[in-house]
Amino acid sequence: MEFETVAAIIAEQFGVDAEDITEDTDILEDLNATSMDAVELIVAIESATDIAIPDEAVDNIHTVGDVVAYLREHASEEE
């Protein structure tokens, strides 16, 4: 999963410029996301990638880089 794809999804979900998103962007703090926003983001990412992200994994995802790393790690499992 490419960073640019995740950044585009996040930009759409939060109404921000994708170029302002980095791998260090904290989803809750930097994007001022509520827990409901985070859930909606995970659903959007799962829909776009066909990779399920279980709740226990979500608890360890804090930055955009965490999302990208999780997707890259699990992309081959879904194929």
PDB file of N, CA and C in Angstrom:
ATOM      1  N   MET A   1       0.852  -1.180   0.000  1.00  0.00           N
ATOM      2  CA  MET A   1       0.000   0.000   0.000  1.00  0.00           C
ATOM      3  C   MET A   1       0.891   1.233   0.000  1.00  0.00           C
ATOM      4  N   GLU A   2       0.617   2.089  -0.908  1.00  0.00           N
ATOM      5  CA  GLU A   2       1.414   3.290  -1.051  1.00  0.00           C
ATOM      6  C   GLU A   2       0.940   4.391  -0.107  1.00  0.00           C
ATOM      7  N   PHE A   3       1.894   5.142   0.391  1.00  0.00           N
ATOM      8  CA  PHE A   3       1.595   6.264   1.279  1.00  0.00           C
ATOM      9  C   PHE A   3       0.628   7.239   0.609  1.00  0.00           C
ATOM     10  N   GLU A   4       0.844   7.518  -0.671  1.00  0.00           N
ATOM     11  CA  GLU A   4       0.016   8.494  -1.376  1.00  0.00           C
ATOM     12  C   GLU A   4      -1.460   8.088  -1.383  1.00  0.00           C
ATOM     13  N   THR A   5      -1.714   6.794  -1.504  1.00  0.00           N
ATOM     14  CA  THR A   5      -3.095   6.306  -1.497  1.00  0.00           C
ATOM     15  C   THR A   5      -3.742   6.554  -0.146  1.00  0.00           C
ATOM     16  N   VAL A   6      -3.022   6.225   0.917  1.00  0.00           N
ATOM     17  CA  VAL A   6      -3.540   6.443   2.273  1.00  0.00           C
ATOM     18  C   VAL A   6      -3.729   7.933   2.526  1.00  0.00           C
ATOM     19  N   ALA A   7      -2.772   8.748   2.113  1.00  0.00           N
ATOM     20  CA  ALA A   7      -2.874  10.195   2.302  1.00  0.00           C
ATOM     21  C   ALA A   7      -4.096  10.749   1.570  1.00  0.00           C
ATOM     22  N   ALA A   8      -4.372  10.232   0.383  1.00  0.00           N
ATOM     23  CA  ALA A   8      -5.539  10.692  -0.380  1.00  0.00           C
ATOM     24  C   ALA A   8      -6.840  10.339   0.338  1.00  0.00           C
ATOM     25  N   ILE A   9      -6.913   9.145   0.904  1.00  0.00           N
ATOM     26  CA  ILE A   9      -8.104   8.731   1.654  1.00  0.00           C
ATOM     27  C   ILE A   9      -8.285   9.627   2.874  1.00  0.00           C
ATOM     28  N   ILE A  10      -7.192   9.865   3.585  1.00  0.00           N
ATOM     29  CA  ILE A  10      -7.256  10.717   4.784  1.00  0.00           C
ATOM     30  C   ILE A  10      -7.656  12.142   4.407  1.00  0.00           C
ATOM     31  N   ALA A  11      -7.077  12.664   3.337  1.00  0.00           N
ATOM     32  CA  ALA A  11      -7.410  14.016   2.887  1.00  0.00           C
ATOM     33  C   ALA A  11      -8.894  14.138   2.581  1.00  0.00           C
ATOM     34  N   GLU A  12      -9.442  13.130   1.915  1.00  0.00           N
ATOM     35  CA  GLU A  12     -10.864  13.142   1.589  1.00  0.00           C
ATOM     36  C   GLU A  12     -11.726  13.065   2.845  1.00  0.00           C
ATOM     37  N   GLN A  13     -11.346  12.178   3.764  1.00  0.00           N
ATOM     38  CA  GLN A  13     -12.127  11.983   4.992  1.00  0.00           C
ATOM     39  C   GLN A  13     -12.131  13.224   5.888  1.00  0.00           C
ATOM     40  N   PHE A  14     -10.991  13.924   5.938  1.00  0.00           N
ATOM     41  CA  PHE A  14     -10.847  15.032   6.881  1.00  0.00           C
ATOM     42  C   PHE A  14     -10.856  16.403   6.224  1.00  0.00           C
ATOM     43  N   GLY A  15     -10.984  16.445   4.907  1.00  0.00           N
ATOM     44  CA  GLY A  15     -11.037  17.723   4.215  1.00  0.00           C
ATOM     45  C   GLY A  15      -9.746  18.521   4.337  1.00  0.00           C
ATOM     46  N   VAL A  16      -8.616  17.811   4.284  1.00  0.00           N
ATOM     47  CA  VAL A  16      -7.318  18.481   4.339  1.00  0.00           C
ATOM     48  C   VAL A  16      -6.571  18.226   3.041  1.00  0.00           C
ATOM     49  N   ASP A  17      -5.506  18.976   2.831  1.00  0.00           N
ATOM     50  CA  ASP A  17      -4.679  18.813   1.638  1.00  0.00           C
ATOM     51  C   ASP A  17      -3.767  17.610   1.828  1.00  0.00           C
ATOM     52  N   ALA A  18      -3.779  16.695   0.885  1.00  0.00           N
ATOM     53  CA  ALA A  18      -2.961  15.477   0.979  1.00  0.00           C
ATOM     54  C   ALA A  18      -1.482  15.815   1.113  1.00  0.00           C
ATOM     55  N   GLU A  19      -1.055  16.933   0.559  1.00  0.00           N
ATOM     56  CA  GLU A  19       0.352  17.311   0.651  1.00  0.00           C
ATOM     57  C   GLU A  19       0.758  17.740   2.053  1.00  0.00           C
ATOM     58  N   ASP A  20      -0.215  18.033   2.906  1.00  0.00           N
ATOM     59  CA  ASP A  20       0.079  18.404   4.292  1.00  0.00           C
ATOM     60  C   ASP A  20       0.218  17.182   5.195  1.00  0.00           C
ATOM     61  N   ILE A  21      -0.068  16.006   4.659  1.00  0.00           N
ATOM     62  CA  ILE A  21      -0.022  14.770   5.438  1.00  0.00           C
ATOM     63  C   ILE A  21       1.345  14.113   5.257  1.00  0.00           C
ATOM     64  N   THR A  22       1.944  13.726   6.379  1.00  0.00           N
ATOM     65  CA  THR A  22       3.211  13.003   6.341  1.00  0.00           C
ATOM     66  C   THR A  22       3.025  11.681   7.074  1.00  0.00           C
ATOM     67  N   GLU A  23       4.037  10.835   7.023  1.00  0.00           N
ATOM     68  CA  GLU A  23       3.949   9.566   7.758  1.00  0.00           C
ATOM     69  C   GLU A  23       3.906   9.811   9.262  1.00  0.00           C
ATOM     70  N   ASP A  24       4.390  10.959   9.704  1.00  0.00           N
ATOM     71  CA  ASP A  24       4.386  11.292  11.135  1.00  0.00           C
ATOM     72  C   ASP A  24       3.101  11.965  11.596  1.00  0.00           C
ATOM     73  N   THR A  25       2.187  12.239  10.677  1.00  0.00           N
ATOM     74  CA  THR A  25       0.933  12.878  11.047  1.00  0.00           C
ATOM     75  C   THR A  25       0.163  11.972  12.007  1.00  0.00           C
ATOM     76  N   ASP A  26      -0.147  12.500  13.193  1.00  0.00           N
ATOM     77  CA  ASP A  26      -0.918  11.763  14.192  1.00  0.00           C
ATOM     78  C   ASP A  26      -2.400  11.937  13.858  1.00  0.00           C
ATOM     79  N   ILE A  27      -3.088  10.835  13.686  1.00  0.00           N
ATOM     80  CA  ILE A  27      -4.474  10.878  13.223  1.00  0.00           C
ATOM     81  C   ILE A  27      -5.375  11.607  14.211  1.00  0.00           C
ATOM     82  N   LEU A  28      -5.252  11.312  15.485  1.00  0.00           N
ATOM     83  CA  LEU A  28      -6.122  11.949  16.466  1.00  0.00           C
ATOM     84  C   LEU A  28      -5.683  13.376  16.771  1.00  0.00           C
ATOM     85  N   GLU A  29      -4.399  13.575  17.013  1.00  0.00           N
ATOM     86  CA  GLU A  29      -3.931  14.895  17.438  1.00  0.00           C
ATOM     87  C   GLU A  29      -3.793  15.884  16.286  1.00  0.00           C
ATOM     88  N   ASP A  30      -3.077  15.511  15.240  1.00  0.00           N
ATOM     89  CA  ASP A  30      -2.820  16.457  14.150  1.00  0.00           C
ATOM     90  C   ASP A  30      -4.037  16.718  13.282  1.00  0.00           C
ATOM     91  N   LEU A  31      -4.896  15.725  13.152  1.00  0.00           N
ATOM     92  CA  LEU A  31      -6.089  15.883  12.317  1.00  0.00           C
ATOM     93  C   LEU A  31      -7.329  16.209  13.145  1.00  0.00           C
ATOM     94  N   ASN A  32      -7.137  16.338  14.461  1.00  0.00           N
ATOM     95  CA  ASN A  32      -8.247  16.634  15.372  1.00  0.00           C
ATOM     96  C   ASN A  32      -9.403  15.661  15.192  1.00  0.00           C
ATOM     97  N   ALA A  33      -9.068  14.398  15.000  1.00  0.00           N
ATOM     98  CA  ALA A  33     -10.082  13.369  14.777  1.00  0.00           C
ATOM     99  C   ALA A  33     -10.684  12.913  16.098  1.00  0.00           C
ATOM    100  N   THR A  34     -11.968  12.671  16.059  1.00  0.00           N
ATOM    101  CA  THR A  34     -12.637  12.044  17.197  1.00  0.00           C
ATOM    102  C   THR A  34     -12.502  10.532  17.019  1.00  0.00           C
ATOM    103  N   SER A  35     -12.891   9.792  18.032  1.00  0.00           N
ATOM    104  CA  SER A  35     -12.831   8.339  17.886  1.00  0.00           C
ATOM    105  C   SER A  35     -13.768   7.870  16.772  1.00  0.00           C
ATOM    106  N   MET A  36     -14.882   8.548  16.583  1.00  0.00           N
ATOM    107  CA  MET A  36     -15.801   8.196  15.499  1.00  0.00           C
ATOM    108  C   MET A  36     -15.166   8.490  14.137  1.00  0.00           C
ATOM    109  N   ASP A  37     -14.454   9.617  14.039  1.00  0.00           N
ATOM    110  CA  ASP A  37     -13.730   9.930  12.797  1.00  0.00           C
ATOM    111  C   ASP A  37     -12.726   8.830  12.482  1.00  0.00           C
ATOM    112  N   ALA A  38     -12.024   8.355  13.515  1.00  0.00           N
ATOM    113  CA  ALA A  38     -11.016   7.307  13.324  1.00  0.00           C
ATOM    114  C   ALA A  38     -11.667   6.025  12.829  1.00  0.00           C
ATOM    115  N   VAL A  39     -12.816   5.681  13.379  1.00  0.00           N
ATOM    116  CA  VAL A  39     -13.545   4.482  12.942  1.00  0.00           C
ATOM    117  C   VAL A  39     -13.948   4.631  11.475  1.00  0.00           C
ATOM    118  N   GLU A  40     -14.475   5.791  11.113  1.00  0.00           N
ATOM    119  CA  GLU A  40     -14.883   6.028   9.728  1.00  0.00           C
ATOM    120  C   GLU A  40     -13.681   5.958   8.789  1.00  0.00           C
ATOM    121  N   LEU A  41     -12.534   6.446   9.247  1.00  0.00           N
ATOM    122  CA  LEU A  41     -11.319   6.376   8.441  1.00  0.00           C
ATOM    123  C   LEU A  41     -10.904   4.932   8.221  1.00  0.00           C
ATOM    124  N   ILE A  42     -10.926   4.130   9.265  1.00  0.00           N
ATOM    125  CA  ILE A  42     -10.552   2.715   9.144  1.00  0.00           C
ATOM    126  C   ILE A  42     -11.486   2.005   8.165  1.00  0.00           C
ATOM    127  N   VAL A  43     -12.779   2.292   8.257  1.00  0.00           N
ATOM    128  CA  VAL A  43     -13.750   1.677   7.334  1.00  0.00           C
ATOM    129  C   VAL A  43     -13.441   2.095   5.901  1.00  0.00           C
ATOM    130  N   ALA A  44     -13.122   3.363   5.690  1.00  0.00           N
ATOM    131  CA  ALA A  44     -12.803   3.840   4.336  1.00  0.00           C
ATOM    132  C   ALA A  44     -11.540   3.164   3.806  1.00  0.00           C
ATOM    133  N   ILE A  45     -10.534   3.014   4.663  1.00  0.00           N
ATOM    134  CA  ILE A  45      -9.291   2.361   4.246  1.00  0.00           C
ATOM    135  C   ILE A  45      -9.542   0.883   3.946  1.00  0.00           C
ATOM    136  N   GLU A  46     -10.321   0.228   4.801  1.00  0.00           N
ATOM    137  CA  GLU A  46     -10.645  -1.183   4.559  1.00  0.00           C
ATOM    138  C   GLU A  46     -11.388  -1.344   3.235  1.00  0.00           C
ATOM    139  N   SER A  47     -12.318  -0.448   2.947  1.00  0.00           N
ATOM    140  CA  SER A  47     -13.085  -0.519   1.696  1.00  0.00           C
ATOM    141  C   SER A  47     -12.193  -0.304   0.487  1.00  0.00           C
ATOM    142  N   ALA A  48     -11.258   0.621   0.596  1.00  0.00           N
ATOM    143  CA  ALA A  48     -10.387   0.940  -0.524  1.00  0.00           C
ATOM    144  C   ALA A  48      -9.321  -0.117  -0.772  1.00  0.00           C
ATOM    145  N   THR A  49      -8.949  -0.838   0.283  1.00  0.00           N
ATOM    146  CA  THR A  49      -7.834  -1.769   0.159  1.00  0.00           C
ATOM    147  C   THR A  49      -8.218  -3.237   0.233  1.00  0.00           C
ATOM    148  N   ASP A  50      -9.427  -3.529   0.672  1.00  0.00           N
ATOM    149  CA  ASP A  50      -9.870  -4.904   0.908  1.00  0.00           C
ATOM    150  C   ASP A  50      -8.997  -5.614   1.948  1.00  0.00           C
ATOM    151  N   ILE A  51      -8.422  -4.829   2.863  1.00  0.00           N
ATOM    152  CA  ILE A  51      -7.632  -5.387   3.961  1.00  0.00           C
ATOM    153  C   ILE A  51      -8.363  -5.056   5.258  1.00  0.00           C
ATOM    154  N   ALA A  52      -8.731  -6.092   5.998  1.00  0.00           N
ATOM    155  CA  ALA A  52      -9.408  -5.894   7.272  1.00  0.00           C
ATOM    156  C   ALA A  52      -8.398  -5.460   8.327  1.00  0.00           C
ATOM    157  N   ILE A  53      -8.808  -4.483   9.137  1.00  0.00           N
ATOM    158  CA  ILE A  53      -7.958  -4.010  10.230  1.00  0.00           C
ATOM    159  C   ILE A  53      -8.723  -4.283  11.522  1.00  0.00           C
ATOM    160  N   PRO A  54      -8.346  -5.335  12.260  1.00  0.00           N
ATOM    161  CA  PRO A  54      -9.076  -5.688  13.478  1.00  0.00           C
ATOM    162  C   PRO A  54      -8.889  -4.644  14.578  1.00  0.00           C
ATOM    163  N   ASP A  55      -9.840  -4.615  15.505  1.00  0.00           N
ATOM    164  CA  ASP A  55      -9.823  -3.629  16.589  1.00  0.00           C
ATOM    165  C   ASP A  55      -8.512  -3.613  17.354  1.00  0.00           C
ATOM    166  N   GLU A  56      -7.949  -4.804  17.616  1.00  0.00           N
ATOM    167  CA  GLU A  56      -6.701  -4.839  18.380  1.00  0.00           C
ATOM    168  C   GLU A  56      -5.557  -4.188  17.613  1.00  0.00           C
ATOM    169  N   ALA A  57      -5.592  -4.213  16.295  1.00  0.00           N
ATOM    170  CA  ALA A  57      -4.573  -3.539  15.486  1.00  0.00           C
ATOM    171  C   ALA A  57      -4.818  -2.036  15.487  1.00  0.00           C
ATOM    172  N   VAL A  58      -6.082  -1.639  15.448  1.00  0.00           N
ATOM    173  CA  VAL A  58      -6.422  -0.216  15.448  1.00  0.00           C
ATOM    174  C   VAL A  58      -5.881   0.459  16.708  1.00  0.00           C
ATOM    175  N   ASP A  59      -5.894  -0.245  17.821  1.00  0.00           N
ATOM    176  CA  ASP A  59      -5.398   0.319  19.075  1.00  0.00           C
ATOM    177  C   ASP A  59      -3.926   0.707  18.996  1.00  0.00           C
ATOM    178  N   ASN A  60      -3.180   0.117  18.065  1.00  0.00           N
ATOM    179  CA  ASN A  60      -1.750   0.395  17.918  1.00  0.00           C
ATOM    180  C   ASN A  60      -1.442   1.322  16.752  1.00  0.00           C
ATOM    181  N   ILE A  61      -2.468   1.814  16.090  1.00  0.00           N
ATOM    182  CA  ILE A  61      -2.281   2.718  14.955  1.00  0.00           C
ATOM    183  C   ILE A  61      -2.532   4.147  15.425  1.00  0.00           C
ATOM    184  N   HIS A  62      -1.483   4.951  15.344  1.00  0.00           N
ATOM    185  CA  HIS A  62      -1.602   6.342  15.792  1.00  0.00           C
ATOM    186  C   HIS A  62      -1.252   7.338  14.697  1.00  0.00           C
ATOM    187  N   THR A  63      -0.332   6.958  13.829  1.00  0.00           N
ATOM    188  CA  THR A  63       0.113   7.877  12.777  1.00  0.00           C
ATOM    189  C   THR A  63      -0.230   7.313  11.400  1.00  0.00           C
ATOM    190  N   VAL A  64      -0.099   8.160  10.412  1.00  0.00           N
ATOM    191  CA  VAL A  64      -0.318   7.723   9.040  1.00  0.00           C
ATOM    192  C   VAL A  64       0.698   6.638   8.679  1.00  0.00           C
ATOM    193  N   GLY A  65       1.905   6.788   9.166  1.00  0.00           N
ATOM    194  CA  GLY A  65       2.932   5.772   8.930  1.00  0.00           C
ATOM    195  C   GLY A  65       2.546   4.424   9.503  1.00  0.00           C
ATOM    196  N   ASP A  66       1.883   4.433  10.666  1.00  0.00           N
ATOM    197  CA  ASP A  66       1.409   3.179  11.264  1.00  0.00           C
ATOM    198  C   ASP A  66       0.395   2.497  10.345  1.00  0.00           C
ATOM    199  N   VAL A  67      -0.488   3.289   9.755  1.00  0.00           N
ATOM    200  CA  VAL A  67      -1.495   2.748   8.833  1.00  0.00           C
ATOM    201  C   VAL A  67      -0.805   2.108   7.634  1.00  0.00           C
ATOM    202  N   VAL A  68       0.111   2.846   7.037  1.00  0.00           N
ATOM    203  CA  VAL A  68       0.818   2.362   5.845  1.00  0.00           C
ATOM    204  C   VAL A  68       1.585   1.085   6.174  1.00  0.00           C
ATOM    205  N   ALA A  69       2.284   1.072   7.301  1.00  0.00           N
ATOM    206  CA  ALA A  69       3.057  -0.115   7.687  1.00  0.00           C
ATOM    207  C   ALA A  69       2.146  -1.317   7.884  1.00  0.00           C
ATOM    208  N   TYR A  70       1.004  -1.111   8.545  1.00  0.00           N
ATOM    209  CA  TYR A  70       0.069  -2.218   8.761  1.00  0.00           C
ATOM    210  C   TYR A  70      -0.428  -2.761   7.418  1.00  0.00           C
ATOM    211  N   LEU A  71      -0.811  -1.872   6.524  1.00  0.00           N
ATOM    212  CA  LEU A  71      -1.336  -2.303   5.227  1.00  0.00           C
ATOM    213  C   LEU A  71      -0.282  -3.035   4.414  1.00  0.00           C
ATOM    214  N   ARG A  72       0.942  -2.530   4.430  1.00  0.00           N
ATOM    215  CA  ARG A  72       2.017  -3.204   3.691  1.00  0.00           C
ATOM    216  C   ARG A  72       2.277  -4.593   4.257  1.00  0.00           C
ATOM    217  N   GLU A  73       2.266  -4.688   5.572  1.00  0.00           N
ATOM    218  CA  GLU A  73       2.529  -5.971   6.237  1.00  0.00           C
ATOM    219  C   GLU A  73       1.450  -7.002   5.938  1.00  0.00           C
ATOM    220  N   HIS A  74       0.218  -6.535   5.810  1.00  0.00           N
ATOM    221  CA  HIS A  74      -0.900  -7.467   5.650  1.00  0.00           C
ATOM    222  C   HIS A  74      -1.440  -7.576   4.232  1.00  0.00           C
ATOM    223  N   ALA A  75      -0.877  -6.815   3.304  1.00  0.00           N
ATOM    224  CA  ALA A  75      -1.364  -6.848   1.921  1.00  0.00           C
ATOM    225  C   ALA A  75      -1.194  -8.231   1.303  1.00  0.00           C
ATOM    226  N   SER A  76      -0.074  -8.890   1.547  1.00  0.00           N
ATOM    227  CA  SER A  76       0.156 -10.193   0.946  1.00  0.00           C
ATOM    228  C   SER A  76      -0.750 -11.261   1.529  1.00  0.00           C
ATOM    229  N   GLU A  77      -1.217 -11.063   2.761  1.00  0.00           N
ATOM    230  CA  GLU A  77      -2.125 -12.032   3.390  1.00  0.00           C
ATOM    231  C   GLU A  77      -3.493 -12.010   2.724  1.00  0.00           C
ATOM    232  N   GLU A  78      -3.876 -10.874   2.164  1.00  0.00           N
ATOM    233  CA  GLU A  78      -5.198 -10.735   1.559  1.00  0.00           C
ATOM    234  C   GLU A  78      -5.235 -11.205   0.119  1.00  0.00           C
ATOM    235  N   GLU A  79      -4.082 -11.381  -0.501  1.00  0.00           N
ATOM    236  CA  GLU A  79      -4.052 -11.755  -1.915  1.00  0.00           C
ATOM    237  C   GLU A  79      -4.341 -13.209  -2.127  1.00  0.00           C
TER     238      GLU A  79
END
